[in-house]
């Protein structure tokens, strides 16, 4: 397995996304190179995670500060009304595949892609 691991989150379920954050932070501590990709409905979680009063803001802030956030899907952010929150967080908008991030690019660059 490659040390480069892309954790692509598609679900808009906050408790599922917590596992993405926990795994990314754990992998980082173990010397892997993890990156988190907000795709699909998960882009709608950005506003909740960015809220300092939110239950999981601390985990999100730690992952963001460690540079573990790859970015968010441009098309899904726009379609699902999350574009403003994604931009306010300064997350990179990815969209080289008809507005969506191309997972094939990551595979071609040697990344292991895990989907949630």
PDB file of N, CA and C in Angstrom:
ATOM      1  N   UNK A   1       0.832  -1.183   0.000  1.00  0.00           N
ATOM      2  CA  UNK A   1       0.000   0.000   0.000  1.00  0.00           C
ATOM      3  C   UNK A   1       0.876   1.247   0.000  1.00  0.00           C
ATOM      4  N   UNK A   2       0.445   2.246  -0.725  1.00  0.00           N
ATOM      5  CA  UNK A   2       1.147   3.521  -0.781  1.00  0.00           C
ATOM      6  C   UNK A   2       1.020   4.249   0.556  1.00  0.00           C
ATOM      7  N   UNK A   3       1.991   5.077   0.863  1.00  0.00           N
ATOM      8  CA  UNK A   3       1.893   5.921   2.050  1.00  0.00           C
ATOM      9  C   UNK A   3       0.945   7.088   1.822  1.00  0.00           C
ATOM     10  N   UNK A   4       0.609   7.345   0.549  1.00  0.00           N
ATOM     11  CA  UNK A   4      -0.310   8.431   0.194  1.00  0.00           C
ATOM     12  C   UNK A   4      -1.723   7.853   0.159  1.00  0.00           C
ATOM     13  N   UNK A   5      -2.593   8.375   1.049  1.00  0.00           N
ATOM     14  CA  UNK A   5      -3.951   7.849   1.165  1.00  0.00           C
ATOM     15  C   UNK A   5      -4.949   8.992   1.046  1.00  0.00           C
ATOM     16  N   UNK A   6      -5.832   8.882   0.060  1.00  0.00           N
ATOM     17  CA  UNK A   6      -6.904   9.858  -0.117  1.00  0.00           C
ATOM     18  C   UNK A   6      -8.167   9.288   0.502  1.00  0.00           C
ATOM     19  N   UNK A   7      -8.717  10.001   1.471  1.00  0.00           N
ATOM     20  CA  UNK A   7      -9.960   9.595   2.106  1.00  0.00           C
ATOM     21  C   UNK A   7     -11.068  10.428   1.467  1.00  0.00           C
ATOM     22  N   UNK A   8     -11.786   9.819   0.544  1.00  0.00           N
ATOM     23  CA  UNK A   8     -12.833  10.516  -0.202  1.00  0.00           C
ATOM     24  C   UNK A   8     -14.175  10.273   0.475  1.00  0.00           C
ATOM     25  N   UNK A   9     -14.721  11.330   1.044  1.00  0.00           N
ATOM     26  CA  UNK A   9     -15.994  11.228   1.756  1.00  0.00           C
ATOM     27  C   UNK A   9     -17.124  11.683   0.845  1.00  0.00           C
ATOM     28  N   UNK A  10     -18.104  10.823   0.655  1.00  0.00           N
ATOM     29  CA  UNK A  10     -19.254  11.133  -0.195  1.00  0.00           C
ATOM     30  C   UNK A  10     -20.529  11.355   0.609  1.00  0.00           C
ATOM     31  N   UNK A  11     -20.625  10.768   1.778  1.00  0.00           N
ATOM     32  CA  UNK A  11     -21.854  10.825   2.565  1.00  0.00           C
ATOM     33  C   UNK A  11     -21.949  12.123   3.350  1.00  0.00           C
ATOM     34  N   UNK A  12     -23.161  12.607   3.517  1.00  0.00           N
ATOM     35  CA  UNK A  12     -23.402  13.815   4.291  1.00  0.00           C
ATOM     36  C   UNK A  12     -23.748  13.513   5.738  1.00  0.00           C
ATOM     37  N   UNK A  13     -23.241  12.422   6.251  1.00  0.00           N
ATOM     38  CA  UNK A  13     -23.518  11.968   7.610  1.00  0.00           C
ATOM     39  C   UNK A  13     -22.356  12.399   8.509  1.00  0.00           C
ATOM     40  N   UNK A  14     -22.643  13.279   9.454  1.00  0.00           N
ATOM     41  CA  UNK A  14     -21.589  13.838  10.298  1.00  0.00           C
ATOM     42  C   UNK A  14     -20.847  12.760  11.092  1.00  0.00           C
ATOM     43  N   UNK A  15     -21.578  11.800  11.644  1.00  0.00           N
ATOM     44  CA  UNK A  15     -20.915  10.758  12.431  1.00  0.00           C
ATOM     45  C   UNK A  15     -20.027   9.877  11.567  1.00  0.00           C
ATOM     46  N   UNK A  16     -20.406   9.662  10.323  1.00  0.00           N
ATOM     47  CA  UNK A  16     -19.540   8.926   9.399  1.00  0.00           C
ATOM     48  C   UNK A  16     -18.285   9.751   9.117  1.00  0.00           C
ATOM     49  N   UNK A  17     -18.457  11.042   8.923  1.00  0.00           N
ATOM     50  CA  UNK A  17     -17.320  11.898   8.598  1.00  0.00           C
ATOM     51  C   UNK A  17     -16.327  11.994   9.749  1.00  0.00           C
ATOM     52  N   UNK A  18     -16.802  11.860  10.970  1.00  0.00           N
ATOM     53  CA  UNK A  18     -15.891  11.875  12.121  1.00  0.00           C
ATOM     54  C   UNK A  18     -14.845  10.774  11.959  1.00  0.00           C
ATOM     55  N   UNK A  19     -15.241   9.631  11.405  1.00  0.00           N
ATOM     56  CA  UNK A  19     -14.297   8.541  11.187  1.00  0.00           C
ATOM     57  C   UNK A  19     -13.255   8.905  10.132  1.00  0.00           C
ATOM     58  N   UNK A  20     -13.652   9.707   9.163  1.00  0.00           N
ATOM     59  CA  UNK A  20     -12.698  10.202   8.174  1.00  0.00           C
ATOM     60  C   UNK A  20     -11.645  11.059   8.878  1.00  0.00           C
ATOM     61  N   UNK A  21     -12.100  11.972   9.715  1.00  0.00           N
ATOM     62  CA  UNK A  21     -11.179  12.835  10.451  1.00  0.00           C
ATOM     63  C   UNK A  21     -10.264  12.030  11.369  1.00  0.00           C
ATOM     64  N   UNK A  22     -10.853  11.117  12.131  1.00  0.00           N
ATOM     65  CA  UNK A  22     -10.061  10.314  13.063  1.00  0.00           C
ATOM     66  C   UNK A  22      -9.010   9.490  12.329  1.00  0.00           C
ATOM     67  N   UNK A  23      -9.408   8.856  11.226  1.00  0.00           N
ATOM     68  CA  UNK A  23      -8.459   8.033  10.475  1.00  0.00           C
ATOM     69  C   UNK A  23      -7.368   8.876   9.832  1.00  0.00           C
ATOM     70  N   UNK A  24      -7.720  10.029   9.305  1.00  0.00           N
ATOM     71  CA  UNK A  24      -6.709  10.893   8.695  1.00  0.00           C
ATOM     72  C   UNK A  24      -5.687  11.343   9.734  1.00  0.00           C
ATOM     73  N   UNK A  25      -6.164  11.738  10.897  1.00  0.00           N
ATOM     74  CA  UNK A  25      -5.258  12.173  11.955  1.00  0.00           C
ATOM     75  C   UNK A  25      -4.385  11.016  12.440  1.00  0.00           C
ATOM     76  N   UNK A  26      -4.972   9.839  12.584  1.00  0.00           N
ATOM     77  CA  UNK A  26      -4.207   8.666  13.004  1.00  0.00           C
ATOM     78  C   UNK A  26      -3.146   8.305  11.971  1.00  0.00           C
ATOM     79  N   UNK A  27      -3.526   8.305  10.706  1.00  0.00           N
ATOM     80  CA  UNK A  27      -2.564   7.985   9.642  1.00  0.00           C
ATOM     81  C   UNK A  27      -1.418   8.999   9.627  1.00  0.00           C
ATOM     82  N   UNK A  28      -1.768  10.252   9.815  1.00  0.00           N
ATOM     83  CA  UNK A  28      -0.759  11.312   9.842  1.00  0.00           C
ATOM     84  C   UNK A  28       0.245  11.060  10.977  1.00  0.00           C
ATOM     85  N   UNK A  29      -0.271  10.713  12.145  1.00  0.00           N
ATOM     86  CA  UNK A  29       0.601  10.439  13.291  1.00  0.00           C
ATOM     87  C   UNK A  29       1.481   9.208  13.050  1.00  0.00           C
ATOM     88  N   UNK A  30       1.020   8.274  12.229  1.00  0.00           N
ATOM     89  CA  UNK A  30       1.769   7.054  11.935  1.00  0.00           C
ATOM     90  C   UNK A  30       2.749   7.228  10.765  1.00  0.00           C
ATOM     91  N   UNK A  31       2.808   8.444  10.220  1.00  0.00           N
ATOM     92  CA  UNK A  31       3.769   8.719   9.163  1.00  0.00           C
ATOM     93  C   UNK A  31       3.243   8.568   7.744  1.00  0.00           C
ATOM     94  N   UNK A  32       1.949   8.315   7.604  1.00  0.00           N
ATOM     95  CA  UNK A  32       1.357   8.271   6.268  1.00  0.00           C
ATOM     96  C   UNK A  32       1.130   9.697   5.768  1.00  0.00           C
ATOM     97  N   UNK A  33       0.746   9.802   4.526  1.00  0.00           N
ATOM     98  CA  UNK A  33       0.418  11.096   3.921  1.00  0.00           C
ATOM     99  C   UNK A  33      -1.068  11.079   3.541  1.00  0.00           C
ATOM    100  N   UNK A  34      -1.959  11.275   4.522  1.00  0.00           N
ATOM    101  CA  UNK A  34      -3.392  11.252   4.220  1.00  0.00           C
ATOM    102  C   UNK A  34      -3.899  12.612   3.754  1.00  0.00           C
ATOM    103  N   UNK A  35      -4.921  12.584   2.926  1.00  0.00           N
ATOM    104  CA  UNK A  35      -5.626  13.798   2.511  1.00  0.00           C
ATOM    105  C   UNK A  35      -7.121  13.499   2.507  1.00  0.00           C
ATOM    106  N   UNK A  36      -7.906  14.475   2.916  1.00  0.00           N
ATOM    107  CA  UNK A  36      -9.356  14.348   2.992  1.00  0.00           C
ATOM    108  C   UNK A  36      -9.982  15.099   1.821  1.00  0.00           C
ATOM    109  N   UNK A  37     -10.876  14.420   1.124  1.00  0.00           N
ATOM    110  CA  UNK A  37     -11.599  15.015   0.004  1.00  0.00           C
ATOM    111  C   UNK A  37     -13.090  15.053   0.332  1.00  0.00           C
ATOM    112  N   UNK A  38     -13.666  16.254   0.339  1.00  0.00           N
ATOM    113  CA  UNK A  38     -15.106  16.418   0.486  1.00  0.00           C
ATOM    114  C   UNK A  38     -15.721  16.232  -0.898  1.00  0.00           C
ATOM    115  N   UNK A  39     -16.536  15.202  -1.077  1.00  0.00           N
ATOM    116  CA  UNK A  39     -17.200  14.895  -2.349  1.00  0.00           C
ATOM    117  C   UNK A  39     -18.670  14.642  -2.056  1.00  0.00           C
ATOM    118  N   UNK A  40     -19.497  14.709  -3.073  1.00  0.00           N
ATOM    119  CA  UNK A  40     -20.914  14.401  -2.879  1.00  0.00           C
ATOM    120  C   UNK A  40     -21.518  15.205  -1.745  1.00  0.00           C
ATOM    121  N   UNK A  41     -22.399  14.557  -1.000  1.00  0.00           N
ATOM    122  CA  UNK A  41     -23.138  15.226   0.075  1.00  0.00           C
ATOM    123  C   UNK A  41     -22.253  15.667   1.241  1.00  0.00           C
ATOM    124  N   UNK A  42     -21.037  15.151   1.340  1.00  0.00           N
ATOM    125  CA  UNK A  42     -20.173  15.548   2.464  1.00  0.00           C
ATOM    126  C   UNK A  42     -19.822  17.032   2.429  1.00  0.00           C
ATOM    127  N   UNK A  43     -19.918  17.666   1.259  1.00  0.00           N
ATOM    128  CA  UNK A  43     -19.609  19.104   1.186  1.00  0.00           C
ATOM    129  C   UNK A  43     -20.543  19.916   2.086  1.00  0.00           C
ATOM    130  N   UNK A  44     -21.731  19.380   2.347  1.00  0.00           N
ATOM    131  CA  UNK A  44     -22.694  20.091   3.196  1.00  0.00           C
ATOM    132  C   UNK A  44     -22.273  20.103   4.664  1.00  0.00           C
ATOM    133  N   UNK A  45     -21.276  19.323   5.009  1.00  0.00           N
ATOM    134  CA  UNK A  45     -20.803  19.261   6.396  1.00  0.00           C
ATOM    135  C   UNK A  45     -19.801  20.353   6.734  1.00  0.00           C
ATOM    136  N   UNK A  46     -19.263  21.007   5.737  1.00  0.00           N
ATOM    137  CA  UNK A  46     -18.203  22.003   5.970  1.00  0.00           C
ATOM    138  C   UNK A  46     -18.663  23.090   6.931  1.00  0.00           C
ATOM    139  N   UNK A  47     -19.865  23.618   6.734  1.00  0.00           N
ATOM    140  CA  UNK A  47     -20.353  24.689   7.613  1.00  0.00           C
ATOM    141  C   UNK A  47     -20.455  24.222   9.057  1.00  0.00           C
ATOM    142  N   UNK A  48     -20.953  23.005   9.277  1.00  0.00           N
ATOM    143  CA  UNK A  48     -21.070  22.466  10.639  1.00  0.00           C
ATOM    144  C   UNK A  48     -19.697  22.265  11.272  1.00  0.00           C
ATOM    145  N   UNK A  49     -18.777  21.725  10.502  1.00  0.00           N
ATOM    146  CA  UNK A  49     -17.434  21.450  11.021  1.00  0.00           C
ATOM    147  C   UNK A  49     -16.675  22.738  11.310  1.00  0.00           C
ATOM    148  N   UNK A  50     -16.923  23.776  10.531  1.00  0.00           N
ATOM    149  CA  UNK A  50     -16.225  25.051  10.709  1.00  0.00           C
ATOM    150  C   UNK A  50     -16.753  25.842  11.901  1.00  0.00           C
ATOM    151  N   UNK A  51     -17.937  25.500  12.382  1.00  0.00           N
ATOM    152  CA  UNK A  51     -18.562  26.204  13.499  1.00  0.00           C
ATOM    153  C   UNK A  51     -17.837  25.850  14.802  1.00  0.00           C
ATOM    154  N   UNK A  52     -17.194  26.839  15.437  1.00  0.00           N
ATOM    155  CA  UNK A  52     -16.460  26.561  16.675  1.00  0.00           C
ATOM    156  C   UNK A  52     -17.324  25.949  17.777  1.00  0.00           C
ATOM    157  N   UNK A  53     -18.633  26.138  17.714  1.00  0.00           N
ATOM    158  CA  UNK A  53     -19.533  25.578  18.724  1.00  0.00           C
ATOM    159  C   UNK A  53     -19.930  24.139  18.400  1.00  0.00           C
ATOM    160  N   UNK A  54     -19.561  23.656  17.222  1.00  0.00           N
ATOM    161  CA  UNK A  54     -19.926  22.306  16.813  1.00  0.00           C
ATOM    162  C   UNK A  54     -19.161  21.236  17.584  1.00  0.00           C
ATOM    163  N   UNK A  55     -19.798  20.089  17.740  1.00  0.00           N
ATOM    164  CA  UNK A  55     -19.217  18.992  18.511  1.00  0.00           C
ATOM    165  C   UNK A  55     -17.878  18.503  17.959  1.00  0.00           C
ATOM    166  N   UNK A  56     -17.703  18.560  16.652  1.00  0.00           N
ATOM    167  CA  UNK A  56     -16.504  17.979  16.045  1.00  0.00           C
ATOM    168  C   UNK A  56     -15.584  19.015  15.412  1.00  0.00           C
ATOM    169  N   UNK A  57     -15.784  20.274  15.782  1.00  0.00           N
ATOM    170  CA  UNK A  57     -14.941  21.339  15.244  1.00  0.00           C
ATOM    171  C   UNK A  57     -13.468  21.123  15.594  1.00  0.00           C
ATOM    172  N   UNK A  58     -13.203  20.657  16.801  1.00  0.00           N
ATOM    173  CA  UNK A  58     -11.812  20.462  17.231  1.00  0.00           C
ATOM    174  C   UNK A  58     -11.069  19.475  16.344  1.00  0.00           C
ATOM    175  N   UNK A  59     -11.714  18.361  15.998  1.00  0.00           N
ATOM    176  CA  UNK A  59     -11.085  17.378  15.111  1.00  0.00           C
ATOM    177  C   UNK A  59     -10.852  17.967  13.731  1.00  0.00           C
ATOM    178  N   UNK A  60     -11.870  18.660  13.226  1.00  0.00           N
ATOM    179  CA  UNK A  60     -11.761  19.279  11.897  1.00  0.00           C
ATOM    180  C   UNK A  60     -10.634  20.314  11.894  1.00  0.00           C
ATOM    181  N   UNK A  61     -10.606  21.168  12.916  1.00  0.00           N
ATOM    182  CA  UNK A  61      -9.582  22.223  12.987  1.00  0.00           C
ATOM    183  C   UNK A  61      -8.183  21.619  13.057  1.00  0.00           C
ATOM    184  N   UNK A  62      -8.044  20.517  13.776  1.00  0.00           N
ATOM    185  CA  UNK A  62      -6.745  19.850  13.890  1.00  0.00           C
ATOM    186  C   UNK A  62      -6.316  19.288  12.531  1.00  0.00           C
ATOM    187  N   UNK A  63      -7.255  18.654  11.819  1.00  0.00           N
ATOM    188  CA  UNK A  63      -6.944  18.102  10.488  1.00  0.00           C
ATOM    189  C   UNK A  63      -6.609  19.224   9.508  1.00  0.00           C
ATOM    190  N   UNK A  64      -7.361  20.290   9.573  1.00  0.00           N
ATOM    191  CA  UNK A  64      -7.122  21.423   8.668  1.00  0.00           C
ATOM    192  C   UNK A  64      -5.761  22.060   8.961  1.00  0.00           C
ATOM    193  N   UNK A  65      -5.455  22.263  10.227  1.00  0.00           N
ATOM    194  CA  UNK A  65      -4.179  22.872  10.609  1.00  0.00           C
ATOM    195  C   UNK A  65      -2.990  22.002  10.201  1.00  0.00           C
ATOM    196  N   UNK A  66      -3.201  20.689  10.159  1.00  0.00           N
ATOM    197  CA  UNK A  66      -2.133  19.761   9.761  1.00  0.00           C
ATOM    198  C   UNK A  66      -2.009  19.652   8.242  1.00  0.00           C
ATOM    199  N   UNK A  67      -2.855  20.373   7.506  1.00  0.00           N
ATOM    200  CA  UNK A  67      -2.788  20.335   6.043  1.00  0.00           C
ATOM    201  C   UNK A  67      -3.359  19.065   5.443  1.00  0.00           C
ATOM    202  N   UNK A  68      -4.313  18.437   6.127  1.00  0.00           N
ATOM    203  CA  UNK A  68      -4.849  17.163   5.672  1.00  0.00           C
ATOM    204  C   UNK A  68      -6.075  17.292   4.766  1.00  0.00           C
ATOM    205  N   UNK A  69      -6.567  18.509   4.569  1.00  0.00           N
ATOM    206  CA  UNK A  69      -7.744  18.700   3.715  1.00  0.00           C
ATOM    207  C   UNK A  69      -7.279  18.944   2.284  1.00  0.00           C
ATOM    208  N   UNK A  70      -7.609  18.015   1.399  1.00  0.00           N
ATOM    209  CA  UNK A  70      -7.251  18.137  -0.017  1.00  0.00           C
ATOM    210  C   UNK A  70      -8.107  19.191  -0.695  1.00  0.00           C
ATOM    211  N   UNK A  71      -9.396  19.179  -0.403  1.00  0.00           N
ATOM    212  CA  UNK A  71     -10.302  20.142  -1.011  1.00  0.00           C
ATOM    213  C   UNK A  71     -11.706  19.604  -1.076  1.00  0.00           C
ATOM    214  N   UNK A  72     -12.534  20.284  -1.859  1.00  0.00           N
ATOM    215  CA  UNK A  72     -13.949  19.936  -1.986  1.00  0.00           C
ATOM    216  C   UNK A  72     -14.363  19.960  -3.453  1.00  0.00           C
ATOM    217  N   UNK A  73     -15.327  19.146  -3.765  1.00  0.00           N
ATOM    218  CA  UNK A  73     -15.858  19.072  -5.117  1.00  0.00           C
ATOM    219  C   UNK A  73     -16.548  20.384  -5.490  1.00  0.00           C
ATOM    220  N   UNK A  74     -16.106  20.957  -6.595  1.00  0.00           N
ATOM    221  CA  UNK A  74     -16.692  22.221  -7.057  1.00  0.00           C
ATOM    222  C   UNK A  74     -18.166  22.056  -7.426  1.00  0.00           C
ATOM    223  N   UNK A  75     -18.494  21.040  -8.217  1.00  0.00           N
ATOM    224  CA  UNK A  75     -19.862  20.841  -8.693  1.00  0.00           C
ATOM    225  C   UNK A  75     -20.821  20.546  -7.544  1.00  0.00           C
ATOM    226  N   UNK A  76     -20.430  19.667  -6.652  1.00  0.00           N
ATOM    227  CA  UNK A  76     -21.304  19.309  -5.533  1.00  0.00           C
ATOM    228  C   UNK A  76     -21.479  20.481  -4.573  1.00  0.00           C
ATOM    229  N   UNK A  77     -20.426  21.234  -4.352  1.00  0.00           N
ATOM    230  CA  UNK A  77     -20.521  22.409  -3.477  1.00  0.00           C
ATOM    231  C   UNK A  77     -21.528  23.399  -4.039  1.00  0.00           C
ATOM    232  N   UNK A  78     -21.478  23.621  -5.342  1.00  0.00           N
ATOM    233  CA  UNK A  78     -22.411  24.553  -5.975  1.00  0.00           C
ATOM    234  C   UNK A  78     -23.834  24.003  -5.959  1.00  0.00           C
ATOM    235  N   UNK A  79     -24.002  22.769  -6.351  1.00  0.00           N
ATOM    236  CA  UNK A  79     -25.334  22.156  -6.476  1.00  0.00           C
ATOM    237  C   UNK A  79     -26.026  22.001  -5.119  1.00  0.00           C
ATOM    238  N   UNK A  80     -25.259  21.714  -4.081  1.00  0.00           N
ATOM    239  CA  UNK A  80     -25.843  21.437  -2.769  1.00  0.00           C
ATOM    240  C   UNK A  80     -25.828  22.643  -1.827  1.00  0.00           C
ATOM    241  N   UNK A  81     -25.515  23.818  -2.358  1.00  0.00           N
ATOM    242  CA  UNK A  81     -25.580  25.040  -1.569  1.00  0.00           C
ATOM    243  C   UNK A  81     -24.474  25.204  -0.545  1.00  0.00           C
ATOM    244  N   UNK A  82     -23.346  24.554  -0.754  1.00  0.00           N
ATOM    245  CA  UNK A  82     -22.248  24.614   0.212  1.00  0.00           C
ATOM    246  C   UNK A  82     -21.078  25.465  -0.269  1.00  0.00           C
ATOM    247  N   UNK A  83     -21.194  26.038  -1.461  1.00  0.00           N
ATOM    248  CA  UNK A  83     -20.074  26.767  -2.060  1.00  0.00           C
ATOM    249  C   UNK A  83     -19.583  27.906  -1.170  1.00  0.00           C
ATOM    250  N   UNK A  84     -20.486  28.654  -0.601  1.00  0.00           N
ATOM    251  CA  UNK A  84     -20.101  29.787   0.240  1.00  0.00           C
ATOM    252  C   UNK A  84     -19.314  29.314   1.465  1.00  0.00           C
ATOM    253  N   UNK A  85     -19.775  28.246   2.112  1.00  0.00           N
ATOM    254  CA  UNK A  85     -19.083  27.724   3.301  1.00  0.00           C
ATOM    255  C   UNK A  85     -17.707  27.170   2.933  1.00  0.00           C
ATOM    256  N   UNK A  86     -17.629  26.467   1.809  1.00  0.00           N
ATOM    257  CA  UNK A  86     -16.352  25.899   1.363  1.00  0.00           C
ATOM    258  C   UNK A  86     -15.357  27.017   1.070  1.00  0.00           C
ATOM    259  N   UNK A  87     -15.816  28.046   0.373  1.00  0.00           N
ATOM    260  CA  UNK A  87     -14.938  29.167   0.058  1.00  0.00           C
ATOM    261  C   UNK A  87     -14.543  29.936   1.321  1.00  0.00           C
ATOM    262  N   UNK A  88     -15.481  30.111   2.257  1.00  0.00           N
ATOM    263  CA  UNK A  88     -15.189  30.818   3.503  1.00  0.00           C
ATOM    264  C   UNK A  88     -14.109  30.086   4.305  1.00  0.00           C
ATOM    265  N   UNK A  89     -14.071  28.770   4.177  1.00  0.00           N
ATOM    266  CA  UNK A  89     -13.065  27.963   4.871  1.00  0.00           C
ATOM    267  C   UNK A  89     -11.735  27.948   4.129  1.00  0.00           C
ATOM    268  N   UNK A  90     -11.722  28.496   2.924  1.00  0.00           N
ATOM    269  CA  UNK A  90     -10.486  28.528   2.149  1.00  0.00           C
ATOM    270  C   UNK A  90     -10.101  27.173   1.579  1.00  0.00           C
ATOM    271  N   UNK A  91     -11.076  26.275   1.446  1.00  0.00           N
ATOM    272  CA  UNK A  91     -10.783  24.960   0.890  1.00  0.00           C
ATOM    273  C   UNK A  91     -10.643  25.044  -0.623  1.00  0.00           C
ATOM    274  N   UNK A  92      -9.743  24.273  -1.165  1.00  0.00           N
ATOM    275  CA  UNK A  92      -9.531  24.225  -2.605  1.00  0.00           C
ATOM    276  C   UNK A  92     -10.728  23.573  -3.270  1.00  0.00           C
ATOM    277  N   UNK A  93     -11.246  24.221  -4.307  1.00  0.00           N
ATOM    278  CA  UNK A  93     -12.331  23.640  -5.095  1.00  0.00           C
ATOM    279  C   UNK A  93     -11.717  22.815  -6.218  1.00  0.00           C
ATOM    280  N   UNK A  94     -12.084  21.551  -6.287  1.00  0.00           N
ATOM    281  CA  UNK A  94     -11.526  20.634  -7.273  1.00  0.00           C
ATOM    282  C   UNK A  94     -12.609  20.264  -8.277  1.00  0.00           C
ATOM    283  N   UNK A  95     -12.249  20.238  -9.553  1.00  0.00           N
ATOM    284  CA  UNK A  95     -13.287  19.967 -10.538  1.00  0.00           C
ATOM    285  C   UNK A  95     -12.781  19.642 -11.919  1.00  0.00           C
ATOM    286  N   UNK A  96     -11.676  18.936 -12.029  1.00  0.00           N
ATOM    287  CA  UNK A  96     -11.093  18.664 -13.350  1.00  0.00           C
ATOM    288  C   UNK A  96     -11.869  17.639 -14.169  1.00  0.00           C
ATOM    289  N   UNK A  97     -12.877  16.988 -13.579  1.00  0.00           N
ATOM    290  CA  UNK A  97     -13.669  15.980 -14.286  1.00  0.00           C
ATOM    291  C   UNK A  97     -15.124  16.443 -14.324  1.00  0.00           C
ATOM    292  N   UNK A  98     -15.427  17.301 -15.283  1.00  0.00           N
ATOM    293  CA  UNK A  98     -16.787  17.852 -15.404  1.00  0.00           C
ATOM    294  C   UNK A  98     -17.275  18.476 -14.100  1.00  0.00           C
ATOM    295  N   UNK A  99     -16.392  19.172 -13.408  1.00  0.00           N
ATOM    296  CA  UNK A  99     -16.749  19.846 -12.167  1.00  0.00           C
ATOM    297  C   UNK A  99     -16.480  19.034 -10.913  1.00  0.00           C
ATOM    298  N   UNK A 100     -16.089  17.783 -11.080  1.00  0.00           N
ATOM    299  CA  UNK A 100     -15.823  16.895  -9.947  1.00  0.00           C
ATOM    300  C   UNK A 100     -14.335  16.525  -9.911  1.00  0.00           C
ATOM    301  N   UNK A 101     -13.799  16.199  -8.732  1.00  0.00           N
ATOM    302  CA  UNK A 101     -12.416  15.721  -8.666  1.00  0.00           C
ATOM    303  C   UNK A 101     -12.297  14.367  -9.366  1.00  0.00           C
ATOM    304  N   UNK A 102     -11.217  14.153 -10.075  1.00  0.00           N
ATOM    305  CA  UNK A 102     -10.994  12.892 -10.789  1.00  0.00           C
ATOM    306  C   UNK A 102     -10.197  11.946  -9.901  1.00  0.00           C
ATOM    307  N   UNK A 103     -10.850  10.933  -9.370  1.00  0.00           N
ATOM    308  CA  UNK A 103     -10.160   9.967  -8.516  1.00  0.00           C
ATOM    309  C   UNK A 103      -9.085   9.217  -9.290  1.00  0.00           C
ATOM    310  N   UNK A 104      -9.285   9.062 -10.601  1.00  0.00           N
ATOM    311  CA  UNK A 104      -8.289   8.401 -11.439  1.00  0.00           C
ATOM    312  C   UNK A 104      -6.946   9.115 -11.418  1.00  0.00           C
ATOM    313  N   UNK A 105      -6.969  10.426 -11.290  1.00  0.00           N
ATOM    314  CA  UNK A 105      -5.714  11.187 -11.197  1.00  0.00           C
ATOM    315  C   UNK A 105      -4.938  10.760  -9.960  1.00  0.00           C
ATOM    316  N   UNK A 106      -5.640  10.622  -8.843  1.00  0.00           N
ATOM    317  CA  UNK A 106      -4.972  10.218  -7.607  1.00  0.00           C
ATOM    318  C   UNK A 106      -4.404   8.800  -7.730  1.00  0.00           C
ATOM    319  N   UNK A 107      -5.184   7.908  -8.311  1.00  0.00           N
ATOM    320  CA  UNK A 107      -4.690   6.539  -8.514  1.00  0.00           C
ATOM    321  C   UNK A 107      -3.447   6.548  -9.394  1.00  0.00           C
ATOM    322  N   UNK A 108      -3.470   7.371 -10.448  1.00  0.00           N
ATOM    323  CA  UNK A 108      -2.329   7.486 -11.351  1.00  0.00           C
ATOM    324  C   UNK A 108      -1.089   8.049 -10.683  1.00  0.00           C
ATOM    325  N   UNK A 109      -1.295   8.829  -9.633  1.00  0.00           N
ATOM    326  CA  UNK A 109      -0.180   9.421  -8.891  1.00  0.00           C
ATOM    327  C   UNK A 109       0.265   8.526  -7.730  1.00  0.00           C
ATOM    328  N   UNK A 110      -0.292   7.323  -7.654  1.00  0.00           N
ATOM    329  CA  UNK A 110       0.127   6.381  -6.630  1.00  0.00           C
ATOM    330  C   UNK A 110      -0.609   6.450  -5.309  1.00  0.00           C
ATOM    331  N   UNK A 111      -1.715   7.162  -5.266  1.00  0.00           N
ATOM    332  CA  UNK A 111      -2.491   7.257  -4.040  1.00  0.00           C
ATOM    333  C   UNK A 111      -3.364   6.012  -3.876  1.00  0.00           C
ATOM    334  N   UNK A 112      -3.551   5.594  -2.636  1.00  0.00           N
ATOM    335  CA  UNK A 112      -4.588   4.627  -2.291  1.00  0.00           C
ATOM    336  C   UNK A 112      -5.833   5.445  -2.011  1.00  0.00           C
ATOM    337  N   UNK A 113      -6.953   5.114  -2.646  1.00  0.00           N
ATOM    338  CA  UNK A 113      -8.185   5.862  -2.467  1.00  0.00           C
ATOM    339  C   UNK A 113      -9.157   5.047  -1.626  1.00  0.00           C
ATOM    340  N   UNK A 114      -9.558   5.612  -0.498  1.00  0.00           N
ATOM    341  CA  UNK A 114     -10.571   4.999   0.353  1.00  0.00           C
ATOM    342  C   UNK A 114     -11.820   5.855   0.283  1.00  0.00           C
ATOM    343  N   UNK A 115     -12.962   5.229   0.110  1.00  0.00           N
ATOM    344  CA  UNK A 115     -14.210   6.002   0.032  1.00  0.00           C
ATOM    345  C   UNK A 115     -15.080   5.748   1.260  1.00  0.00           C
ATOM    346  N   UNK A 116     -15.713   6.805   1.689  1.00  0.00           N
ATOM    347  CA  UNK A 116     -16.604   6.763   2.860  1.00  0.00           C
ATOM    348  C   UNK A 116     -17.959   7.315   2.474  1.00  0.00           C
TER     349      UNK A 116
END
